[in-house]
């Protein structure tokens, strides 16, 4: 048998083994085996400031005059901006080009 045949046979055997293990293992646990699993936590609820006990034992929101709103303090002045940065020096100009030779004059 060639090496390729051995690789194919090994892959088929691994797939059969994975299928067998996947169907025989009970993961995650269910039913009676599920003892000790994590459940959502029950959150603490603080009493509400306007909560009132009613005759039936249920709670409701108190009604009555609303408190007068308080006026806050005005904000302070903002900070002044800092000085600007000075500009950098300009670049020096490049050297000029020398003129070309003139044309010779024709004398007659």
PDB file of N, CA and C in Angstrom:
ATOM      1  N   UNK A   1       0.853  -1.177   0.000  1.00  0.00           N
ATOM      2  CA  UNK A   1       0.000   0.000   0.000  1.00  0.00           C
ATOM      3  C   UNK A   1       0.903   1.248   0.000  1.00  0.00           C
ATOM      4  N   UNK A   2       0.478   2.293  -0.699  1.00  0.00           N
ATOM      5  CA  UNK A   2       1.299   3.498  -0.810  1.00  0.00           C
ATOM      6  C   UNK A   2       1.091   4.397   0.416  1.00  0.00           C
ATOM      7  N   UNK A   3       1.970   5.415   0.514  1.00  0.00           N
ATOM      8  CA  UNK A   3       1.847   6.373   1.630  1.00  0.00           C
ATOM      9  C   UNK A   3       0.516   7.110   1.573  1.00  0.00           C
ATOM     10  N   UNK A   4       0.078   7.388   0.381  1.00  0.00           N
ATOM     11  CA  UNK A   4      -1.194   8.093   0.228  1.00  0.00           C
ATOM     12  C   UNK A   4      -2.346   7.248   0.768  1.00  0.00           C
ATOM     13  N   UNK A   5      -2.309   5.970   0.531  1.00  0.00           N
ATOM     14  CA  UNK A   5      -3.343   5.068   1.026  1.00  0.00           C
ATOM     15  C   UNK A   5      -3.356   5.011   2.544  1.00  0.00           C
ATOM     16  N   UNK A   6      -2.148   5.018   3.152  1.00  0.00           N
ATOM     17  CA  UNK A   6      -2.079   5.024   4.616  1.00  0.00           C
ATOM     18  C   UNK A   6      -2.668   6.312   5.189  1.00  0.00           C
ATOM     19  N   UNK A   7      -2.401   7.441   4.536  1.00  0.00           N
ATOM     20  CA  UNK A   7      -2.955   8.712   5.018  1.00  0.00           C
ATOM     21  C   UNK A   7      -4.481   8.710   4.923  1.00  0.00           C
ATOM     22  N   UNK A   8      -5.009   8.198   3.855  1.00  0.00           N
ATOM     23  CA  UNK A   8      -6.470   8.141   3.691  1.00  0.00           C
ATOM     24  C   UNK A   8      -7.085   7.225   4.738  1.00  0.00           C
ATOM     25  N   UNK A   9      -6.486   6.054   4.957  1.00  0.00           N
ATOM     26  CA  UNK A   9      -7.006   5.125   5.963  1.00  0.00           C
ATOM     27  C   UNK A   9      -6.922   5.746   7.366  1.00  0.00           C
ATOM     28  N   UNK A  10      -5.837   6.470   7.657  1.00  0.00           N
ATOM     29  CA  UNK A  10      -5.709   7.135   8.965  1.00  0.00           C
ATOM     30  C   UNK A  10      -6.761   8.208   9.154  1.00  0.00           C
ATOM     31  N   UNK A  11      -7.063   8.957   8.099  1.00  0.00           N
ATOM     32  CA  UNK A  11      -8.091   9.996   8.181  1.00  0.00           C
ATOM     33  C   UNK A  11      -9.466   9.409   8.411  1.00  0.00           C
ATOM     34  N   UNK A  12      -9.772   8.309   7.740  1.00  0.00           N
ATOM     35  CA  UNK A  12     -11.068   7.651   7.925  1.00  0.00           C
ATOM     36  C   UNK A  12     -11.177   7.105   9.337  1.00  0.00           C
ATOM     37  N   UNK A  13     -10.087   6.502   9.848  1.00  0.00           N
ATOM     38  CA  UNK A  13     -10.110   5.962  11.210  1.00  0.00           C
ATOM     39  C   UNK A  13     -10.290   7.081  12.239  1.00  0.00           C
ATOM     40  N   UNK A  14      -9.630   8.225  12.031  1.00  0.00           N
ATOM     41  CA  UNK A  14      -9.773   9.359  12.953  1.00  0.00           C
ATOM     42  C   UNK A  14     -11.199   9.896  12.932  1.00  0.00           C
ATOM     43  N   UNK A  15     -11.825   9.954  11.756  1.00  0.00           N
ATOM     44  CA  UNK A  15     -13.200  10.435  11.657  1.00  0.00           C
ATOM     45  C   UNK A  15     -14.165   9.503  12.377  1.00  0.00           C
ATOM     46  N   UNK A  16     -13.969   8.178  12.225  1.00  0.00           N
ATOM     47  CA  UNK A  16     -14.835   7.203  12.905  1.00  0.00           C
ATOM     48  C   UNK A  16     -14.653   7.309  14.416  1.00  0.00           C
ATOM     49  N   UNK A  17     -13.414   7.473  14.876  1.00  0.00           N
ATOM     50  CA  UNK A  17     -13.147   7.604  16.311  1.00  0.00           C
ATOM     51  C   UNK A  17     -13.783   8.875  16.863  1.00  0.00           C
ATOM     52  N   UNK A  18     -13.666   9.981  16.136  1.00  0.00           N
ATOM     53  CA  UNK A  18     -14.258  11.241  16.583  1.00  0.00           C
ATOM     54  C   UNK A  18     -15.780  11.131  16.648  1.00  0.00           C
ATOM     55  N   UNK A  19     -16.385  10.454  15.690  1.00  0.00           N
ATOM     56  CA  UNK A  19     -17.838  10.273  15.698  1.00  0.00           C
ATOM     57  C   UNK A  19     -18.275   9.423  16.887  1.00  0.00           C
ATOM     58  N   UNK A  20     -17.530   8.357  17.186  1.00  0.00           N
ATOM     59  CA  UNK A  20     -17.857   7.488  18.315  1.00  0.00           C
ATOM     60  C   UNK A  20     -17.732   8.236  19.640  1.00  0.00           C
ATOM     61  N   UNK A  21     -16.634   8.960  19.831  1.00  0.00           N
ATOM     62  CA  UNK A  21     -16.428   9.700  21.093  1.00  0.00           C
ATOM     63  C   UNK A  21     -17.467  10.806  21.225  1.00  0.00           C
ATOM     64  N   UNK A  22     -17.795  11.498  20.136  1.00  0.00           N
ATOM     65  CA  UNK A  22     -18.766  12.592  20.190  1.00  0.00           C
ATOM     66  C   UNK A  22     -20.156  12.132  20.564  1.00  0.00           C
ATOM     67  N   UNK A  23     -20.532  10.916  20.171  1.00  0.00           N
ATOM     68  CA  UNK A  23     -21.877  10.440  20.497  1.00  0.00           C
ATOM     69  C   UNK A  23     -21.943   9.737  21.845  1.00  0.00           C
ATOM     70  N   UNK A  24     -20.821   9.257  22.371  1.00  0.00           N
ATOM     71  CA  UNK A  24     -20.862   8.521  23.634  1.00  0.00           C
ATOM     72  C   UNK A  24     -20.628   9.403  24.854  1.00  0.00           C
ATOM     73  N   UNK A  25     -20.020  10.560  24.701  1.00  0.00           N
ATOM     74  CA  UNK A  25     -19.744  11.448  25.842  1.00  0.00           C
ATOM     75  C   UNK A  25     -20.900  12.426  25.984  1.00  0.00           C
ATOM     76  N   UNK A  26     -21.434  12.569  27.205  1.00  0.00           N
ATOM     77  CA  UNK A  26     -22.539  13.486  27.479  1.00  0.00           C
ATOM     78  C   UNK A  26     -21.945  14.832  27.917  1.00  0.00           C
ATOM     79  N   UNK A  27     -21.650  15.683  26.967  1.00  0.00           N
ATOM     80  CA  UNK A  27     -21.075  16.989  27.283  1.00  0.00           C
ATOM     81  C   UNK A  27     -21.831  18.040  26.512  1.00  0.00           C
ATOM     82  N   UNK A  28     -22.323  19.081  27.096  1.00  0.00           N
ATOM     83  CA  UNK A  28     -22.352  19.365  28.522  1.00  0.00           C
ATOM     84  C   UNK A  28     -23.372  18.478  29.234  1.00  0.00           C
ATOM     85  N   UNK A  29     -23.160  18.332  30.521  1.00  0.00           N
ATOM     86  CA  UNK A  29     -24.025  17.461  31.315  1.00  0.00           C
ATOM     87  C   UNK A  29     -25.464  17.971  31.273  1.00  0.00           C
ATOM     88  N   UNK A  30     -26.411  17.047  31.272  1.00  0.00           N
ATOM     89  CA  UNK A  30     -27.816  17.440  31.255  1.00  0.00           C
ATOM     90  C   UNK A  30     -28.592  16.582  32.249  1.00  0.00           C
ATOM     91  N   UNK A  31     -29.770  17.028  32.588  1.00  0.00           N
ATOM     92  CA  UNK A  31     -30.635  16.264  33.495  1.00  0.00           C
ATOM     93  C   UNK A  31     -30.110  16.281  34.916  1.00  0.00           C
ATOM     94  N   UNK A  32     -30.084  15.098  35.568  1.00  0.00           N
ATOM     95  CA  UNK A  32     -29.645  15.003  36.954  1.00  0.00           C
ATOM     96  C   UNK A  32     -28.144  15.238  37.095  1.00  0.00           C
ATOM     97  N   UNK A  33     -27.400  15.059  36.027  1.00  0.00           N
ATOM     98  CA  UNK A  33     -25.947  15.261  36.083  1.00  0.00           C
ATOM     99  C   UNK A  33     -25.564  16.734  36.020  1.00  0.00           C
ATOM    100  N   UNK A  34     -26.520  17.604  35.865  1.00  0.00           N
ATOM    101  CA  UNK A  34     -26.244  19.028  35.696  1.00  0.00           C
ATOM    102  C   UNK A  34     -26.113  19.770  37.020  1.00  0.00           C
ATOM    103  N   UNK A  35     -25.963  19.066  38.127  1.00  0.00           N
ATOM    104  CA  UNK A  35     -25.852  19.725  39.429  1.00  0.00           C
ATOM    105  C   UNK A  35     -24.585  20.566  39.472  1.00  0.00           C
ATOM    106  N   UNK A  36     -24.685  21.735  40.077  1.00  0.00           N
ATOM    107  CA  UNK A  36     -23.525  22.599  40.234  1.00  0.00           C
ATOM    108  C   UNK A  36     -23.277  23.521  39.058  1.00  0.00           C
ATOM    109  N   UNK A  37     -24.225  23.621  38.148  1.00  0.00           N
ATOM    110  CA  UNK A  37     -24.019  24.524  37.025  1.00  0.00           C
ATOM    111  C   UNK A  37     -24.239  25.960  37.464  1.00  0.00           C
ATOM    112  N   UNK A  38     -23.714  26.870  36.703  1.00  0.00           N
ATOM    113  CA  UNK A  38     -23.812  28.293  37.031  1.00  0.00           C
ATOM    114  C   UNK A  38     -25.171  28.810  36.578  1.00  0.00           C
ATOM    115  N   UNK A  39     -25.831  29.557  37.458  1.00  0.00           N
ATOM    116  CA  UNK A  39     -27.124  30.159  37.140  1.00  0.00           C
ATOM    117  C   UNK A  39     -26.983  31.669  37.249  1.00  0.00           C
ATOM    118  N   UNK A  40     -27.866  32.420  36.643  1.00  0.00           N
ATOM    119  CA  UNK A  40     -27.777  33.881  36.752  1.00  0.00           C
ATOM    120  C   UNK A  40     -27.902  34.332  38.213  1.00  0.00           C
ATOM    121  N   UNK A  41     -27.101  35.306  38.586  1.00  0.00           N
ATOM    122  CA  UNK A  41     -27.115  35.810  39.960  1.00  0.00           C
ATOM    123  C   UNK A  41     -28.359  36.649  40.208  1.00  0.00           C
ATOM    124  N   UNK A  42     -28.861  36.591  41.431  1.00  0.00           N
ATOM    125  CA  UNK A  42     -29.981  37.434  41.804  1.00  0.00           C
ATOM    126  C   UNK A  42     -29.411  38.765  42.269  1.00  0.00           C
ATOM    127  N   UNK A  43     -29.756  39.830  41.590  1.00  0.00           N
ATOM    128  CA  UNK A  43     -29.176  41.147  41.853  1.00  0.00           C
ATOM    129  C   UNK A  43     -29.798  41.793  43.077  1.00  0.00           C
ATOM    130  N   UNK A  44     -28.977  42.585  43.779  1.00  0.00           N
ATOM    131  CA  UNK A  44     -29.470  43.346  44.922  1.00  0.00           C
ATOM    132  C   UNK A  44     -30.253  44.534  44.417  1.00  0.00           C
ATOM    133  N   UNK A  45     -31.431  44.754  44.995  1.00  0.00           N
ATOM    134  CA  UNK A  45     -32.247  45.906  44.638  1.00  0.00           C
ATOM    135  C   UNK A  45     -32.433  46.760  45.873  1.00  0.00           C
ATOM    136  N   UNK A  46     -31.837  47.944  45.846  1.00  0.00           N
ATOM    137  CA  UNK A  46     -31.955  48.874  46.968  1.00  0.00           C
ATOM    138  C   UNK A  46     -33.356  49.470  46.983  1.00  0.00           C
ATOM    139  N   UNK A  47     -33.857  49.822  48.169  1.00  0.00           N
ATOM    140  CA  UNK A  47     -35.183  50.457  48.226  1.00  0.00           C
ATOM    141  C   UNK A  47     -35.151  51.804  47.504  1.00  0.00           C
ATOM    142  N   UNK A  48     -36.218  52.090  46.780  1.00  0.00           N
ATOM    143  CA  UNK A  48     -36.289  53.331  46.024  1.00  0.00           C
ATOM    144  C   UNK A  48     -36.768  54.454  46.946  1.00  0.00           C
ATOM    145  N   UNK A  49     -36.242  55.677  46.755  1.00  0.00           N
ATOM    146  CA  UNK A  49     -36.594  56.774  47.663  1.00  0.00           C
ATOM    147  C   UNK A  49     -38.070  57.147  47.638  1.00  0.00           C
ATOM    148  N   UNK A  50     -38.777  56.988  46.525  1.00  0.00           N
ATOM    149  CA  UNK A  50     -40.185  57.362  46.436  1.00  0.00           C
ATOM    150  C   UNK A  50     -41.111  56.178  46.638  1.00  0.00           C
ATOM    151  N   UNK A  51     -40.571  55.029  47.017  1.00  0.00           N
ATOM    152  CA  UNK A  51     -41.380  53.823  47.114  1.00  0.00           C
ATOM    153  C   UNK A  51     -42.262  53.868  48.366  1.00  0.00           C
ATOM    154  N   UNK A  52     -43.540  53.534  48.203  1.00  0.00           N
ATOM    155  CA  UNK A  52     -44.505  53.577  49.298  1.00  0.00           C
ATOM    156  C   UNK A  52     -45.210  52.223  49.352  1.00  0.00           C
ATOM    157  N   UNK A  53     -45.412  51.692  50.565  1.00  0.00           N
ATOM    158  CA  UNK A  53     -46.164  50.445  50.728  1.00  0.00           C
ATOM    159  C   UNK A  53     -47.657  50.767  50.619  1.00  0.00           C
ATOM    160  N   UNK A  54     -48.352  50.050  49.751  1.00  0.00           N
ATOM    161  CA  UNK A  54     -49.785  50.263  49.573  1.00  0.00           C
ATOM    162  C   UNK A  54     -50.551  49.251  50.419  1.00  0.00           C
ATOM    163  N   UNK A  55     -51.878  49.357  50.442  1.00  0.00           N
ATOM    164  CA  UNK A  55     -52.698  48.495  51.287  1.00  0.00           C
ATOM    165  C   UNK A  55     -52.531  47.014  50.951  1.00  0.00           C
ATOM    166  N   UNK A  56     -52.398  46.687  49.674  1.00  0.00           N
ATOM    167  CA  UNK A  56     -52.288  45.293  49.276  1.00  0.00           C
ATOM    168  C   UNK A  56     -50.896  44.717  49.494  1.00  0.00           C
ATOM    169  N   UNK A  57     -49.969  45.482  50.058  1.00  0.00           N
ATOM    170  CA  UNK A  57     -48.621  44.999  50.265  1.00  0.00           C
ATOM    171  C   UNK A  57     -47.713  45.272  49.082  1.00  0.00           C
ATOM    172  N   UNK A  58     -48.310  45.701  47.971  1.00  0.00           N
ATOM    173  CA  UNK A  58     -47.471  46.015  46.811  1.00  0.00           C
ATOM    174  C   UNK A  58     -46.892  47.412  46.991  1.00  0.00           C
ATOM    175  N   UNK A  59     -45.958  47.731  46.148  1.00  0.00           N
ATOM    176  CA  UNK A  59     -45.325  49.046  46.257  1.00  0.00           C
ATOM    177  C   UNK A  59     -45.730  49.904  45.084  1.00  0.00           C
ATOM    178  N   UNK A  60     -45.673  51.203  45.282  1.00  0.00           N
ATOM    179  CA  UNK A  60     -45.992  52.159  44.228  1.00  0.00           C
ATOM    180  C   UNK A  60     -45.100  53.363  44.389  1.00  0.00           C
ATOM    181  N   UNK A  61     -45.293  54.347  43.555  1.00  0.00           N
ATOM    182  CA  UNK A  61     -44.501  55.566  43.608  1.00  0.00           C
ATOM    183  C   UNK A  61     -45.311  56.634  44.321  1.00  0.00           C
ATOM    184  N   UNK A  62     -44.640  57.328  45.235  1.00  0.00           N
ATOM    185  CA  UNK A  62     -45.316  58.375  45.985  1.00  0.00           C
ATOM    186  C   UNK A  62     -45.636  59.544  45.067  1.00  0.00           C
ATOM    187  N   UNK A  63     -46.803  60.140  45.290  1.00  0.00           N
ATOM    188  CA  UNK A  63     -47.162  61.331  44.536  1.00  0.00           C
ATOM    189  C   UNK A  63     -47.313  62.457  45.529  1.00  0.00           C
ATOM    190  N   UNK A  64     -47.068  63.643  45.097  1.00  0.00           N
ATOM    191  CA  UNK A  64     -47.167  64.795  45.976  1.00  0.00           C
ATOM    192  C   UNK A  64     -46.474  65.968  45.317  1.00  0.00           C
ATOM    193  N   UNK A  65     -46.268  67.032  46.093  1.00  0.00           N
ATOM    194  CA  UNK A  65     -45.627  68.204  45.499  1.00  0.00           C
ATOM    195  C   UNK A  65     -44.193  67.867  45.079  1.00  0.00           C
ATOM    196  N   UNK A  66     -43.827  68.362  43.921  1.00  0.00           N
ATOM    197  CA  UNK A  66     -42.480  68.150  43.440  1.00  0.00           C
ATOM    198  C   UNK A  66     -41.523  69.110  44.131  1.00  0.00           C
ATOM    199  N   UNK A  67     -40.303  68.696  44.423  1.00  0.00           N
ATOM    200  CA  UNK A  67     -39.360  69.604  45.069  1.00  0.00           C
ATOM    201  C   UNK A  67     -38.985  70.753  44.133  1.00  0.00           C
ATOM    202  N   UNK A  68     -38.702  71.895  44.753  1.00  0.00           N
ATOM    203  CA  UNK A  68     -38.306  73.073  43.973  1.00  0.00           C
ATOM    204  C   UNK A  68     -36.912  72.846  43.406  1.00  0.00           C
ATOM    205  N   UNK A  69     -36.729  73.068  42.113  1.00  0.00           N
ATOM    206  CA  UNK A  69     -35.398  72.869  41.549  1.00  0.00           C
ATOM    207  C   UNK A  69     -34.407  73.882  42.113  1.00  0.00           C
ATOM    208  N   UNK A  70     -33.209  73.434  42.362  1.00  0.00           N
ATOM    209  CA  UNK A  70     -32.165  74.312  42.892  1.00  0.00           C
ATOM    210  C   UNK A  70     -31.342  74.859  41.732  1.00  0.00           C
ATOM    211  N   UNK A  71     -30.907  76.099  41.879  1.00  0.00           N
ATOM    212  CA  UNK A  71     -30.103  76.743  40.844  1.00  0.00           C
ATOM    213  C   UNK A  71     -28.644  76.450  41.137  1.00  0.00           C
ATOM    214  N   UNK A  72     -27.910  76.011  40.134  1.00  0.00           N
ATOM    215  CA  UNK A  72     -26.490  75.716  40.303  1.00  0.00           C
ATOM    216  C   UNK A  72     -25.643  76.958  40.132  1.00  0.00           C
ATOM    217  N   UNK A  73     -24.380  76.835  40.440  1.00  0.00           N
ATOM    218  CA  UNK A  73     -23.444  77.944  40.282  1.00  0.00           C
ATOM    219  C   UNK A  73     -23.055  78.093  38.816  1.00  0.00           C
ATOM    220  N   UNK A  74     -22.787  79.341  38.428  1.00  0.00           N
ATOM    221  CA  UNK A  74     -22.347  79.604  37.060  1.00  0.00           C
ATOM    222  C   UNK A  74     -20.930  79.081  36.891  1.00  0.00           C
ATOM    223  N   UNK A  75     -20.596  78.688  35.705  1.00  0.00           N
ATOM    224  CA  UNK A  75     -19.244  78.206  35.423  1.00  0.00           C
ATOM    225  C   UNK A  75     -18.235  79.338  35.477  1.00  0.00           C
ATOM    226  N   UNK A  76     -16.999  79.000  35.764  1.00  0.00           N
ATOM    227  CA  UNK A  76     -15.927  79.994  35.815  1.00  0.00           C
ATOM    228  C   UNK A  76     -15.468  80.380  34.424  1.00  0.00           C
ATOM    229  N   UNK A  77     -14.670  81.445  34.335  1.00  0.00           N
ATOM    230  CA  UNK A  77     -14.177  81.864  33.028  1.00  0.00           C
ATOM    231  C   UNK A  77     -13.198  80.836  32.474  1.00  0.00           C
ATOM    232  N   UNK A  78     -13.126  80.737  31.199  1.00  0.00           N
ATOM    233  CA  UNK A  78     -12.192  79.805  30.575  1.00  0.00           C
ATOM    234  C   UNK A  78     -10.764  80.323  30.632  1.00  0.00           C
ATOM    235  N   UNK A  79      -9.829  79.476  30.363  1.00  0.00           N
ATOM    236  CA  UNK A  79      -8.429  79.885  30.349  1.00  0.00           C
ATOM    237  C   UNK A  79      -8.109  80.597  29.042  1.00  0.00           C
ATOM    238  N   UNK A  80      -7.211  81.596  29.131  1.00  0.00           N
ATOM    239  CA  UNK A  80      -6.789  82.306  27.927  1.00  0.00           C
ATOM    240  C   UNK A  80      -5.915  81.395  27.086  1.00  0.00           C
ATOM    241  N   UNK A  81      -5.935  81.597  25.795  1.00  0.00           N
ATOM    242  CA  UNK A  81      -5.103  80.801  24.911  1.00  0.00           C
ATOM    243  C   UNK A  81      -3.632  81.164  25.061  1.00  0.00           C
ATOM    244  N   UNK A  82      -2.743  80.220  24.787  1.00  0.00           N
ATOM    245  CA  UNK A  82      -1.307  80.472  24.875  1.00  0.00           C
ATOM    246  C   UNK A  82      -0.812  81.243  23.665  1.00  0.00           C
ATOM    247  N   UNK A  83       0.424  81.750  23.750  1.00  0.00           N
ATOM    248  CA  UNK A  83       0.971  82.496  22.618  1.00  0.00           C
ATOM    249  C   UNK A  83       1.208  81.571  21.427  1.00  0.00           C
ATOM    250  N   UNK A  84       1.140  82.133  20.243  1.00  0.00           N
ATOM    251  CA  UNK A  84       1.360  81.352  19.028  1.00  0.00           C
ATOM    252  C   UNK A  84       2.856  81.138  18.822  1.00  0.00           C
ATOM    253  N   UNK A  85       3.193  80.106  18.096  1.00  0.00           N
ATOM    254  CA  UNK A  85       4.607  79.873  17.771  1.00  0.00           C
ATOM    255  C   UNK A  85       5.024  80.765  16.615  1.00  0.00           C
ATOM    256  N   UNK A  86       6.265  81.271  16.690  1.00  0.00           N
ATOM    257  CA  UNK A  86       6.789  82.102  15.603  1.00  0.00           C
ATOM    258  C   UNK A  86       7.066  81.229  14.390  1.00  0.00           C
ATOM    259  N   UNK A  87       6.919  81.789  13.217  1.00  0.00           N
ATOM    260  CA  UNK A  87       7.210  81.048  12.003  1.00  0.00           C
ATOM    261  C   UNK A  87       8.706  80.811  11.853  1.00  0.00           C
ATOM    262  N   UNK A  88       9.077  79.767  11.170  1.00  0.00           N
ATOM    263  CA  UNK A  88      10.488  79.461  10.944  1.00  0.00           C
ATOM    264  C   UNK A  88      11.063  80.350   9.857  1.00  0.00           C
ATOM    265  N   UNK A  89      12.392  80.390   9.752  1.00  0.00           N
ATOM    266  CA  UNK A  89      13.017  81.221   8.716  1.00  0.00           C
ATOM    267  C   UNK A  89      12.724  80.647   7.330  1.00  0.00           C
ATOM    268  N   UNK A  90      12.635  81.491   6.362  1.00  0.00           N
ATOM    269  CA  UNK A  90      12.397  81.051   4.994  1.00  0.00           C
ATOM    270  C   UNK A  90      13.646  80.389   4.415  1.00  0.00           C
ATOM    271  N   UNK A  91      13.477  79.669   3.330  1.00  0.00           N
ATOM    272  CA  UNK A  91      14.625  79.050   2.660  1.00  0.00           C
ATOM    273  C   UNK A  91      15.330  80.072   1.784  1.00  0.00           C
ATOM    274  N   UNK A  92      16.654  79.962   1.735  1.00  0.00           N
ATOM    275  CA  UNK A  92      17.429  80.867   0.891  1.00  0.00           C
ATOM    276  C   UNK A  92      17.176  80.535  -0.571  1.00  0.00           C
ATOM    277  N   UNK A  93      17.233  81.526  -1.408  1.00  0.00           N
ATOM    278  CA  UNK A  93      17.041  81.303  -2.836  1.00  0.00           C
ATOM    279  C   UNK A  93      18.215  80.537  -3.431  1.00  0.00           C
ATOM    280  N   UNK A  94      17.972  79.797  -4.477  1.00  0.00           N
ATOM    281  CA  UNK A  94      19.038  79.054  -5.145  1.00  0.00           C
ATOM    282  C   UNK A  94      19.891  79.971  -6.014  1.00  0.00           C
ATOM    283  N   UNK A  95      21.045  79.496  -6.429  1.00  0.00           N
ATOM    284  CA  UNK A  95      21.913  80.331  -7.281  1.00  0.00           C
ATOM    285  C   UNK A  95      21.271  80.524  -8.660  1.00  0.00           C
ATOM    286  N   UNK A  96      21.476  81.660  -9.242  1.00  0.00           N
ATOM    287  CA  UNK A  96      20.940  81.919 -10.576  1.00  0.00           C
ATOM    288  C   UNK A  96      21.742  81.171 -11.635  1.00  0.00           C
ATOM    289  N   UNK A  97      21.200  81.075 -12.836  1.00  0.00           N
ATOM    290  CA  UNK A  97      21.907  80.404 -13.935  1.00  0.00           C
ATOM    291  C   UNK A  97      22.657  81.465 -14.753  1.00  0.00           C
ATOM    292  N   UNK A  98      23.830  81.056 -15.198  1.00  0.00           N
ATOM    293  CA  UNK A  98      24.611  81.961 -16.069  1.00  0.00           C
ATOM    294  C   UNK A  98      23.937  82.046 -17.426  1.00  0.00           C
ATOM    295  N   UNK A  99      24.029  83.192 -18.069  1.00  0.00           N
ATOM    296  CA  UNK A  99      23.434  83.345 -19.381  1.00  0.00           C
ATOM    297  C   UNK A  99      24.199  82.538 -20.426  1.00  0.00           C
ATOM    298  N   UNK A 100      23.548  82.187 -21.473  1.00  0.00           N
ATOM    299  CA  UNK A 100      24.198  81.458 -22.561  1.00  0.00           C
ATOM    300  C   UNK A 100      25.014  82.413 -23.441  1.00  0.00           C
ATOM    301  N   UNK A 101      25.858  81.872 -24.287  1.00  0.00           N
ATOM    302  CA  UNK A 101      26.646  82.724 -25.174  1.00  0.00           C
ATOM    303  C   UNK A 101      25.732  83.419 -26.206  1.00  0.00           C
ATOM    304  N   UNK A 102      26.010  84.622 -26.517  1.00  0.00           N
ATOM    305  CA  UNK A 102      25.202  85.338 -27.499  1.00  0.00           C
ATOM    306  C   UNK A 102      25.490  84.850 -28.919  1.00  0.00           C
ATOM    307  N   UNK A 103      24.668  85.267 -29.865  1.00  0.00           N
ATOM    308  CA  UNK A 103      24.871  84.916 -31.271  1.00  0.00           C
ATOM    309  C   UNK A 103      25.882  85.898 -31.886  1.00  0.00           C
ATOM    310  N   UNK A 104      26.687  85.394 -32.731  1.00  0.00           N
ATOM    311  CA  UNK A 104      27.673  86.265 -33.400  1.00  0.00           C
ATOM    312  C   UNK A 104      26.947  87.161 -34.387  1.00  0.00           C
ATOM    313  N   UNK A 105      27.410  88.419 -34.473  1.00  0.00           N
ATOM    314  CA  UNK A 105      26.788  89.361 -35.400  1.00  0.00           C
ATOM    315  C   UNK A 105      27.315  89.127 -36.804  1.00  0.00           C
ATOM    316  N   UNK A 106      26.476  89.309 -37.782  1.00  0.00           N
ATOM    317  CA  UNK A 106      26.897  89.148 -39.177  1.00  0.00           C
ATOM    318  C   UNK A 106      27.217  90.566 -39.726  1.00  0.00           C
ATOM    319  N   UNK A 107      28.445  90.695 -40.144  1.00  0.00           N
ATOM    320  CA  UNK A 107      28.864  91.999 -40.660  1.00  0.00           C
ATOM    321  C   UNK A 107      28.884  91.930 -42.198  1.00  0.00           C
ATOM    322  N   UNK A 108      28.353  93.027 -42.951  1.00  0.00           N
ATOM    323  CA  UNK A 108      28.323  93.024 -44.389  1.00  0.00           C
ATOM    324  C   UNK A 108      29.021  94.200 -44.940  1.00  0.00           C
TER     325      UNK A 108
END
